[in-house]
Amino acid sequence: MYDTNNQIAEQEFDKLQVSKLVKTDTLEIISICLEKGTTFPEHSSPTNAQLIVLEGDIEFHINGESYRLKKQQHFNFPKQVVHFVVANANSKFLIIR
């Protein structure tokens, strides 16, 4: 009935690691682990999304602007807008959409 796991903690810093934690008809939570110096290439989200930095330091690039996000910061972004992420340090973050 209830499930506990260590999936986020066990994600290793090896370039780009993406893992779906939850997927329902109305919600998706994705855990992303990005090694320092690695880029999550350009892509877009099918829905409006929330990004929550769990640890590290990233640069979120969207609409020609760059946003520096650090541990425990939150950022929201719209659907269907191309963006990419660069890790300034080993980083883990969640995408909730």
PDB file of N, CA and C in Angstrom:
ATOM      1  N   MET A   1       0.816  -1.187   0.000  1.00  0.00           N
ATOM      2  CA  MET A   1       0.000   0.000   0.000  1.00  0.00           C
ATOM      3  C   MET A   1       0.869   1.263   0.000  1.00  0.00           C
ATOM      4  N   TYR A   2       1.875   1.337   0.857  1.00  0.00           N
ATOM      5  CA  TYR A   2       2.790   2.479   0.896  1.00  0.00           C
ATOM      6  C   TYR A   2       4.149   2.011   0.426  1.00  0.00           C
ATOM      7  N   ASP A   3       4.877   2.927  -0.213  1.00  0.00           N
ATOM      8  CA  ASP A   3       6.160   2.549  -0.789  1.00  0.00           C
ATOM      9  C   ASP A   3       7.216   3.573  -0.402  1.00  0.00           C
ATOM     10  N   THR A   4       8.313   3.093   0.108  1.00  0.00           N
ATOM     11  CA  THR A   4       9.458   3.941   0.422  1.00  0.00           C
ATOM     12  C   THR A   4      10.651   3.383  -0.327  1.00  0.00           C
ATOM     13  N   ASN A   5      11.446   4.301  -0.933  1.00  0.00           N
ATOM     14  CA  ASN A   5      12.657   3.826  -1.598  1.00  0.00           C
ATOM     15  C   ASN A   5      13.735   4.898  -1.520  1.00  0.00           C
ATOM     16  N   ASN A   6      14.921   4.549  -1.922  1.00  0.00           N
ATOM     17  CA  ASN A   6      16.070   5.447  -1.888  1.00  0.00           C
ATOM     18  C   ASN A   6      16.543   5.810  -3.289  1.00  0.00           C
ATOM     19  N   GLN A   7      15.632   5.791  -4.232  1.00  0.00           N
ATOM     20  CA  GLN A   7      15.972   5.988  -5.638  1.00  0.00           C
ATOM     21  C   GLN A   7      16.744   7.292  -5.873  1.00  0.00           C
ATOM     22  N   ILE A   8      16.323   8.395  -5.268  1.00  0.00           N
ATOM     23  CA  ILE A   8      17.006   9.672  -5.473  1.00  0.00           C
ATOM     24  C   ILE A   8      18.405   9.625  -4.863  1.00  0.00           C
ATOM     25  N   ALA A   9      18.501   9.151  -3.633  1.00  0.00           N
ATOM     26  CA  ALA A   9      19.791   9.086  -2.947  1.00  0.00           C
ATOM     27  C   ALA A   9      20.775   8.176  -3.678  1.00  0.00           C
ATOM     28  N   GLU A  10      20.268   7.134  -4.302  1.00  0.00           N
ATOM     29  CA  GLU A  10      21.130   6.160  -4.963  1.00  0.00           C
ATOM     30  C   GLU A  10      21.505   6.541  -6.393  1.00  0.00           C
ATOM     31  N   GLN A  11      20.881   7.576  -6.953  1.00  0.00           N
ATOM     32  CA  GLN A  11      21.265   8.030  -8.297  1.00  0.00           C
ATOM     33  C   GLN A  11      22.708   8.522  -8.241  1.00  0.00           C
ATOM     34  N   GLU A  12      23.531   8.007  -9.137  1.00  0.00           N
ATOM     35  CA  GLU A  12      24.938   8.365  -9.141  1.00  0.00           C
ATOM     36  C   GLU A  12      25.206   9.523 -10.085  1.00  0.00           C
ATOM     37  N   PHE A  13      26.248  10.301  -9.773  1.00  0.00           N
ATOM     38  CA  PHE A  13      26.664  11.389 -10.641  1.00  0.00           C
ATOM     39  C   PHE A  13      27.504  10.810 -11.772  1.00  0.00           C
ATOM     40  N   ASP A  14      26.841  10.483 -12.868  1.00  0.00           N
ATOM     41  CA  ASP A  14      27.486   9.921 -14.047  1.00  0.00           C
ATOM     42  C   ASP A  14      26.842  10.568 -15.265  1.00  0.00           C
ATOM     43  N   LYS A  15      27.347  11.738 -15.617  1.00  0.00           N
ATOM     44  CA  LYS A  15      26.803  12.547 -16.704  1.00  0.00           C
ATOM     45  C   LYS A  15      25.352  12.904 -16.401  1.00  0.00           C
ATOM     46  N   LEU A  16      24.404  12.417 -17.197  1.00  0.00           N
ATOM     47  CA  LEU A  16      22.982  12.710 -17.020  1.00  0.00           C
ATOM     48  C   LEU A  16      22.226  11.428 -16.687  1.00  0.00           C
ATOM     49  N   GLN A  17      21.534  11.433 -15.565  1.00  0.00           N
ATOM     50  CA  GLN A  17      20.694  10.303 -15.162  1.00  0.00           C
ATOM     51  C   GLN A  17      19.269  10.813 -14.969  1.00  0.00           C
ATOM     52  N   VAL A  18      18.298  10.185 -15.616  1.00  0.00           N
ATOM     53  CA  VAL A  18      16.893  10.583 -15.514  1.00  0.00           C
ATOM     54  C   VAL A  18      16.092   9.376 -15.073  1.00  0.00           C
ATOM     55  N   SER A  19      15.248   9.581 -14.049  1.00  0.00           N
ATOM     56  CA  SER A  19      14.456   8.477 -13.521  1.00  0.00           C
ATOM     57  C   SER A  19      13.046   8.965 -13.193  1.00  0.00           C
ATOM     58  N   LYS A  20      12.032   8.284 -13.718  1.00  0.00           N
ATOM     59  CA  LYS A  20      10.648   8.628 -13.379  1.00  0.00           C
ATOM     60  C   LYS A  20      10.312   8.029 -12.023  1.00  0.00           C
ATOM     61  N   LEU A  21       9.935   8.894 -11.096  1.00  0.00           N
ATOM     62  CA  LEU A  21       9.554   8.432  -9.761  1.00  0.00           C
ATOM     63  C   LEU A  21       8.073   8.110  -9.691  1.00  0.00           C
ATOM     64  N   VAL A  22       7.254   8.952 -10.354  1.00  0.00           N
ATOM     65  CA  VAL A  22       5.800   8.804 -10.328  1.00  0.00           C
ATOM     66  C   VAL A  22       5.265   9.131 -11.712  1.00  0.00           C
ATOM     67  N   LYS A  23       4.298   8.348 -12.166  1.00  0.00           N
ATOM     68  CA  LYS A  23       3.634   8.623 -13.441  1.00  0.00           C
ATOM     69  C   LYS A  23       2.185   8.182 -13.310  1.00  0.00           C
ATOM     70  N   THR A  24       1.274   9.187 -13.326  1.00  0.00           N
ATOM     71  CA  THR A  24      -0.161   8.906 -13.320  1.00  0.00           C
ATOM     72  C   THR A  24      -0.782   9.668 -14.481  1.00  0.00           C
ATOM     73  N   ASP A  25      -2.099   9.624 -14.596  1.00  0.00           N
ATOM     74  CA  ASP A  25      -2.783  10.375 -15.652  1.00  0.00           C
ATOM     75  C   ASP A  25      -2.649  11.882 -15.469  1.00  0.00           C
ATOM     76  N   THR A  26      -2.446  12.324 -14.230  1.00  0.00           N
ATOM     77  CA  THR A  26      -2.428  13.766 -13.953  1.00  0.00           C
ATOM     78  C   THR A  26      -1.115  14.290 -13.379  1.00  0.00           C
ATOM     79  N   LEU A  27      -0.160  13.410 -13.095  1.00  0.00           N
ATOM     80  CA  LEU A  27       1.068  13.844 -12.428  1.00  0.00           C
ATOM     81  C   LEU A  27       2.262  13.013 -12.876  1.00  0.00           C
ATOM     82  N   GLU A  28       3.378  13.701 -13.041  1.00  0.00           N
ATOM     83  CA  GLU A  28       4.635  13.018 -13.326  1.00  0.00           C
ATOM     84  C   GLU A  28       5.718  13.695 -12.486  1.00  0.00           C
ATOM     85  N   ILE A  29       6.523  12.897 -11.790  1.00  0.00           N
ATOM     86  CA  ILE A  29       7.657  13.408 -11.033  1.00  0.00           C
ATOM     87  C   ILE A  29       8.900  12.708 -11.557  1.00  0.00           C
ATOM     88  N   ILE A  30       9.861  13.523 -12.003  1.00  0.00           N
ATOM     89  CA  ILE A  30      11.082  13.006 -12.601  1.00  0.00           C
ATOM     90  C   ILE A  30      12.268  13.446 -11.753  1.00  0.00           C
ATOM     91  N   SER A  31      13.132  12.509 -11.423  1.00  0.00           N
ATOM     92  CA  SER A  31      14.355  12.802 -10.691  1.00  0.00           C
ATOM     93  C   SER A  31      15.500  12.884 -11.689  1.00  0.00           C
ATOM     94  N   ILE A  32      16.262  13.986 -11.622  1.00  0.00           N
ATOM     95  CA  ILE A  32      17.374  14.184 -12.545  1.00  0.00           C
ATOM     96  C   ILE A  32      18.656  14.377 -11.745  1.00  0.00           C
ATOM     97  N   CYS A  33      19.669  13.650 -12.138  1.00  0.00           N
ATOM     98  CA  CYS A  33      20.993  13.719 -11.532  1.00  0.00           C
ATOM     99  C   CYS A  33      21.951  14.158 -12.629  1.00  0.00           C
ATOM    100  N   LEU A  34      22.627  15.289 -12.403  1.00  0.00           N
ATOM    101  CA  LEU A  34      23.465  15.879 -13.440  1.00  0.00           C
ATOM    102  C   LEU A  34      24.862  16.121 -12.882  1.00  0.00           C
ATOM    103  N   GLU A  35      25.844  15.460 -13.481  1.00  0.00           N
ATOM    104  CA  GLU A  35      27.234  15.597 -13.048  1.00  0.00           C
ATOM    105  C   GLU A  35      27.774  16.980 -13.429  1.00  0.00           C
ATOM    106  N   LYS A  36      28.645  17.531 -12.599  1.00  0.00           N
ATOM    107  CA  LYS A  36      29.255  18.837 -12.846  1.00  0.00           C
ATOM    108  C   LYS A  36      29.794  18.909 -14.280  1.00  0.00           C
ATOM    109  N   GLY A  37      29.461  20.018 -14.969  1.00  0.00           N
ATOM    110  CA  GLY A  37      29.940  20.226 -16.332  1.00  0.00           C
ATOM    111  C   GLY A  37      29.084  19.577 -17.405  1.00  0.00           C
ATOM    112  N   THR A  38      28.078  18.818 -17.008  1.00  0.00           N
ATOM    113  CA  THR A  38      27.216  18.112 -17.955  1.00  0.00           C
ATOM    114  C   THR A  38      26.012  18.978 -18.319  1.00  0.00           C
ATOM    115  N   THR A  39      25.558  18.858 -19.560  1.00  0.00           N
ATOM    116  CA  THR A  39      24.388  19.592 -20.037  1.00  0.00           C
ATOM    117  C   THR A  39      23.236  18.633 -20.272  1.00  0.00           C
ATOM    118  N   PHE A  40      22.072  18.981 -19.763  1.00  0.00           N
ATOM    119  CA  PHE A  40      20.828  18.305 -20.123  1.00  0.00           C
ATOM    120  C   PHE A  40      20.395  19.024 -21.406  1.00  0.00           C
ATOM    121  N   PRO A  41      20.449  18.351 -22.564  1.00  0.00           N
ATOM    122  CA  PRO A  41      20.253  19.021 -23.852  1.00  0.00           C
ATOM    123  C   PRO A  41      18.878  19.678 -24.013  1.00  0.00           C
ATOM    124  N   GLU A  42      18.782  20.521 -25.030  1.00  0.00           N
ATOM    125  CA  GLU A  42      17.536  21.223 -25.316  1.00  0.00           C
ATOM    126  C   GLU A  42      16.367  20.262 -25.453  1.00  0.00           C
ATOM    127  N   HIS A  43      15.258  20.664 -24.854  1.00  0.00           N
ATOM    128  CA  HIS A  43      14.020  19.897 -24.919  1.00  0.00           C
ATOM    129  C   HIS A  43      12.891  20.818 -24.446  1.00  0.00           C
ATOM    130  N   SER A  44      11.676  20.333 -24.445  1.00  0.00           N
ATOM    131  CA  SER A  44      10.555  21.100 -23.893  1.00  0.00           C
ATOM    132  C   SER A  44       9.667  20.150 -23.099  1.00  0.00           C
ATOM    133  N   SER A  45       8.853  20.732 -22.243  1.00  0.00           N
ATOM    134  CA  SER A  45       7.939  19.950 -21.410  1.00  0.00           C
ATOM    135  C   SER A  45       6.552  19.950 -22.046  1.00  0.00           C
ATOM    136  N   PRO A  46       5.841  18.829 -22.016  1.00  0.00           N
ATOM    137  CA  PRO A  46       4.493  18.790 -22.592  1.00  0.00           C
ATOM    138  C   PRO A  46       3.457  19.532 -21.737  1.00  0.00           C
ATOM    139  N   THR A  47       3.815  19.838 -20.477  1.00  0.00           N
ATOM    140  CA  THR A  47       2.916  20.560 -19.577  1.00  0.00           C
ATOM    141  C   THR A  47       3.720  21.605 -18.807  1.00  0.00           C
ATOM    142  N   ASN A  48       3.030  22.552 -18.185  1.00  0.00           N
ATOM    143  CA  ASN A  48       3.709  23.474 -17.289  1.00  0.00           C
ATOM    144  C   ASN A  48       4.411  22.642 -16.226  1.00  0.00           C
ATOM    145  N   ALA A  49       5.567  23.110 -15.767  1.00  0.00           N
ATOM    146  CA  ALA A  49       6.371  22.274 -14.870  1.00  0.00           C
ATOM    147  C   ALA A  49       6.983  23.092 -13.737  1.00  0.00           C
ATOM    148  N   GLN A  50       7.346  22.369 -12.692  1.00  0.00           N
ATOM    149  CA  GLN A  50       8.025  22.917 -11.527  1.00  0.00           C
ATOM    150  C   GLN A  50       9.357  22.199 -11.400  1.00  0.00           C
ATOM    151  N   LEU A  51      10.409  22.950 -11.098  1.00  0.00           N
ATOM    152  CA  LEU A  51      11.724  22.371 -10.873  1.00  0.00           C
ATOM    153  C   LEU A  51      12.119  22.689  -9.435  1.00  0.00           C
ATOM    154  N   ILE A  52      12.557  21.679  -8.694  1.00  0.00           N
ATOM    155  CA  ILE A  52      13.013  21.866  -7.324  1.00  0.00           C
ATOM    156  C   ILE A  52      14.419  21.294  -7.211  1.00  0.00           C
ATOM    157  N   VAL A  53      15.386  22.144  -6.869  1.00  0.00           N
ATOM    158  CA  VAL A  53      16.771  21.711  -6.723  1.00  0.00           C
ATOM    159  C   VAL A  53      16.934  21.068  -5.342  1.00  0.00           C
ATOM    160  N   LEU A  54      17.344  19.819  -5.326  1.00  0.00           N
ATOM    161  CA  LEU A  54      17.579  19.104  -4.072  1.00  0.00           C
ATOM    162  C   LEU A  54      18.990  19.339  -3.560  1.00  0.00           C
ATOM    163  N   GLU A  55      19.946  19.340  -4.480  1.00  0.00           N
ATOM    164  CA  GLU A  55      21.338  19.622  -4.125  1.00  0.00           C
ATOM    165  C   GLU A  55      22.070  20.105  -5.359  1.00  0.00           C
ATOM    166  N   GLY A  56      23.120  20.897  -5.123  1.00  0.00           N
ATOM    167  CA  GLY A  56      23.950  21.344  -6.230  1.00  0.00           C
ATOM    168  C   GLY A  56      23.693  22.768  -6.665  1.00  0.00           C
ATOM    169  N   ASP A  57      24.026  23.034  -7.935  1.00  0.00           N
ATOM    170  CA  ASP A  57      24.028  24.375  -8.504  1.00  0.00           C
ATOM    171  C   ASP A  57      23.890  24.210 -10.016  1.00  0.00           C
ATOM    172  N   ILE A  58      22.796  24.711 -10.590  1.00  0.00           N
ATOM    173  CA  ILE A  58      22.545  24.565 -12.023  1.00  0.00           C
ATOM    174  C   ILE A  58      22.252  25.918 -12.672  1.00  0.00           C
ATOM    175  N   GLU A  59      22.413  25.947 -13.995  1.00  0.00           N
ATOM    176  CA  GLU A  59      21.994  27.089 -14.813  1.00  0.00           C
ATOM    177  C   GLU A  59      20.860  26.591 -15.703  1.00  0.00           C
ATOM    178  N   PHE A  60      19.691  27.198 -15.547  1.00  0.00           N
ATOM    179  CA  PHE A  60      18.526  26.850 -16.351  1.00  0.00           C
ATOM    180  C   PHE A  60      18.397  27.901 -17.446  1.00  0.00           C
ATOM    181  N   HIS A  61      18.470  27.473 -18.709  1.00  0.00           N
ATOM    182  CA  HIS A  61      18.442  28.386 -19.855  1.00  0.00           C
ATOM    183  C   HIS A  61      17.097  28.267 -20.569  1.00  0.00           C
ATOM    184  N   ILE A  62      16.404  29.407 -20.713  1.00  0.00           N
ATOM    185  CA  ILE A  62      15.097  29.435 -21.361  1.00  0.00           C
ATOM    186  C   ILE A  62      14.848  30.824 -21.948  1.00  0.00           C
ATOM    187  N   ASN A  63      14.304  30.877 -23.150  1.00  0.00           N
ATOM    188  CA  ASN A  63      13.987  32.148 -23.813  1.00  0.00           C
ATOM    189  C   ASN A  63      15.156  33.122 -23.846  1.00  0.00           C
ATOM    190  N   GLY A  64      16.359  32.621 -24.068  1.00  0.00           N
ATOM    191  CA  GLY A  64      17.528  33.483 -24.162  1.00  0.00           C
ATOM    192  C   GLY A  64      18.036  34.019 -22.829  1.00  0.00           C
ATOM    193  N   GLU A  65      17.467  33.547 -21.724  1.00  0.00           N
ATOM    194  CA  GLU A  65      17.897  33.985 -20.396  1.00  0.00           C
ATOM    195  C   GLU A  65      18.413  32.798 -19.603  1.00  0.00           C
ATOM    196  N   SER A  66      19.225  33.106 -18.600  1.00  0.00           N
ATOM    197  CA  SER A  66      19.818  32.073 -17.754  1.00  0.00           C
ATOM    198  C   SER A  66      19.461  32.353 -16.300  1.00  0.00           C
ATOM    199  N   TYR A  67      19.067  31.300 -15.587  1.00  0.00           N
ATOM    200  CA  TYR A  67      18.697  31.421 -14.174  1.00  0.00           C
ATOM    201  C   TYR A  67      19.563  30.464 -13.362  1.00  0.00           C
ATOM    202  N   ARG A  68      20.298  31.011 -12.410  1.00  0.00           N
ATOM    203  CA  ARG A  68      21.130  30.177 -11.551  1.00  0.00           C
ATOM    204  C   ARG A  68      20.286  29.704 -10.381  1.00  0.00           C
ATOM    205  N   LEU A  69      20.236  28.388 -10.213  1.00  0.00           N
ATOM    206  CA  LEU A  69      19.419  27.778  -9.163  1.00  0.00           C
ATOM    207  C   LEU A  69      20.299  26.908  -8.279  1.00  0.00           C
ATOM    208  N   LYS A  70      20.098  27.044  -6.980  1.00  0.00           N
ATOM    209  CA  LYS A  70      20.887  26.289  -6.011  1.00  0.00           C
ATOM    210  C   LYS A  70      19.980  25.474  -5.101  1.00  0.00           C
ATOM    211  N   LYS A  71      20.612  24.692  -4.252  1.00  0.00           N
ATOM    212  CA  LYS A  71      19.932  23.798  -3.307  1.00  0.00           C
ATOM    213  C   LYS A  71      18.714  24.464  -2.666  1.00  0.00           C
ATOM    214  N   GLN A  72      17.614  23.766  -2.721  1.00  0.00           N
ATOM    215  CA  GLN A  72      16.336  24.114  -2.115  1.00  0.00           C
ATOM    216  C   GLN A  72      15.633  25.279  -2.785  1.00  0.00           C
ATOM    217  N   GLN A  73      16.032  25.612  -4.017  1.00  0.00           N
ATOM    218  CA  GLN A  73      15.311  26.645  -4.751  1.00  0.00           C
ATOM    219  C   GLN A  73      14.297  26.004  -5.692  1.00  0.00           C
ATOM    220  N   HIS A  74      13.259  26.769  -5.989  1.00  0.00           N
ATOM    221  CA  HIS A  74      12.145  26.332  -6.821  1.00  0.00           C
ATOM    222  C   HIS A  74      12.065  27.244  -8.040  1.00  0.00           C
ATOM    223  N   PHE A  75      11.714  26.666  -9.193  1.00  0.00           N
ATOM    224  CA  PHE A  75      11.583  27.430 -10.431  1.00  0.00           C
ATOM    225  C   PHE A  75      10.441  26.827 -11.230  1.00  0.00           C
ATOM    226  N   ASN A  76       9.553  27.667 -11.768  1.00  0.00           N
ATOM    227  CA  ASN A  76       8.486  27.138 -12.621  1.00  0.00           C
ATOM    228  C   ASN A  76       8.706  27.610 -14.051  1.00  0.00           C
ATOM    229  N   PHE A  77       8.283  26.795 -15.008  1.00  0.00           N
ATOM    230  CA  PHE A  77       8.450  27.144 -16.415  1.00  0.00           C
ATOM    231  C   PHE A  77       7.286  26.586 -17.229  1.00  0.00           C
ATOM    232  N   PRO A  78       6.973  27.260 -18.348  1.00  0.00           N
ATOM    233  CA  PRO A  78       5.791  26.890 -19.129  1.00  0.00           C
ATOM    234  C   PRO A  78       6.031  25.710 -20.066  1.00  0.00           C
ATOM    235  N   LYS A  79       4.937  25.117 -20.461  1.00  0.00           N
ATOM    236  CA  LYS A  79       4.986  24.004 -21.411  1.00  0.00           C
ATOM    237  C   LYS A  79       5.439  24.483 -22.776  1.00  0.00           C
ATOM    238  N   GLN A  80       6.007  23.562 -23.524  1.00  0.00           N
ATOM    239  CA  GLN A  80       6.368  23.716 -24.931  1.00  0.00           C
ATOM    240  C   GLN A  80       7.336  24.873 -25.211  1.00  0.00           C
ATOM    241  N   VAL A  81       8.164  25.247 -24.224  1.00  0.00           N
ATOM    242  CA  VAL A  81       9.202  26.245 -24.445  1.00  0.00           C
ATOM    243  C   VAL A  81      10.550  25.523 -24.324  1.00  0.00           C
ATOM    244  N   VAL A  82      11.354  25.622 -25.361  1.00  0.00           N
ATOM    245  CA  VAL A  82      12.638  24.927 -25.391  1.00  0.00           C
ATOM    246  C   VAL A  82      13.554  25.492 -24.309  1.00  0.00           C
ATOM    247  N   HIS A  83      14.221  24.598 -23.595  1.00  0.00           N
ATOM    248  CA  HIS A  83      15.144  24.981 -22.530  1.00  0.00           C
ATOM    249  C   HIS A  83      16.223  23.914 -22.393  1.00  0.00           C
ATOM    250  N   PHE A  84      17.306  24.253 -21.661  1.00  0.00           N
ATOM    251  CA  PHE A  84      18.336  23.276 -21.349  1.00  0.00           C
ATOM    252  C   PHE A  84      18.953  23.639 -19.998  1.00  0.00           C
ATOM    253  N   VAL A  85      19.673  22.684 -19.413  1.00  0.00           N
ATOM    254  CA  VAL A  85      20.242  22.864 -18.079  1.00  0.00           C
ATOM    255  C   VAL A  85      21.714  22.474 -18.101  1.00  0.00           C
ATOM    256  N   VAL A  86      22.543  23.274 -17.423  1.00  0.00           N
ATOM    257  CA  VAL A  86      23.968  22.986 -17.274  1.00  0.00           C
ATOM    258  C   VAL A  86      24.277  22.892 -15.781  1.00  0.00           C
ATOM    259  N   ALA A  87      25.016  21.861 -15.383  1.00  0.00           N
ATOM    260  CA  ALA A  87      25.380  21.680 -13.973  1.00  0.00           C
ATOM    261  C   ALA A  87      26.684  22.397 -13.662  1.00  0.00           C
ATOM    262  N   ASN A  88      26.645  23.344 -12.713  1.00  0.00           N
ATOM    263  CA  ASN A  88      27.845  24.021 -12.224  1.00  0.00           C
ATOM    264  C   ASN A  88      28.540  23.181 -11.156  1.00  0.00           C
ATOM    265  N   ALA A  89      27.806  22.267 -10.564  1.00  0.00           N
ATOM    266  CA  ALA A  89      28.302  21.332  -9.548  1.00  0.00           C
ATOM    267  C   ALA A  89      27.472  20.063  -9.693  1.00  0.00           C
ATOM    268  N   ASN A  90      27.914  18.965  -9.094  1.00  0.00           N
ATOM    269  CA  ASN A  90      27.070  17.773  -9.078  1.00  0.00           C
ATOM    270  C   ASN A  90      25.719  18.174  -8.505  1.00  0.00           C
ATOM    271  N   SER A  91      24.643  17.860  -9.223  1.00  0.00           N
ATOM    272  CA  SER A  91      23.322  18.372  -8.849  1.00  0.00           C
ATOM    273  C   SER A  91      22.241  17.311  -9.012  1.00  0.00           C
ATOM    274  N   LYS A  92      21.234  17.421  -8.136  1.00  0.00           N
ATOM    275  CA  LYS A  92      20.029  16.600  -8.230  1.00  0.00           C
ATOM    276  C   LYS A  92      18.833  17.528  -8.129  1.00  0.00           C
ATOM    277  N   PHE A  93      17.852  17.293  -9.020  1.00  0.00           N
ATOM    278  CA  PHE A  93      16.650  18.107  -8.957  1.00  0.00           C
ATOM    279  C   PHE A  93      15.444  17.302  -9.432  1.00  0.00           C
ATOM    280  N   LEU A  94      14.279  17.755  -9.031  1.00  0.00           N
ATOM    281  CA  LEU A  94      13.024  17.123  -9.417  1.00  0.00           C
ATOM    282  C   LEU A  94      12.297  18.000 -10.413  1.00  0.00           C
ATOM    283  N   ILE A  95      11.634  17.359 -11.372  1.00  0.00           N
ATOM    284  CA  ILE A  95      10.690  18.028 -12.261  1.00  0.00           C
ATOM    285  C   ILE A  95       9.331  17.458 -11.918  1.00  0.00           C
ATOM    286  N   ILE A  96       8.410  18.357 -11.623  1.00  0.00           N
ATOM    287  CA  ILE A  96       7.034  17.958 -11.296  1.00  0.00           C
ATOM    288  C   ILE A  96       6.132  18.589 -12.342  1.00  0.00           C
ATOM    289  N   ARG A  97       5.408  17.740 -13.037  1.00  0.00           N
ATOM    290  CA  ARG A  97       4.519  18.247 -14.093  1.00  0.00           C
ATOM    291  C   ARG A  97       3.282  17.408 -14.225  1.00  0.00           C
TER     292      ARG A  97
END
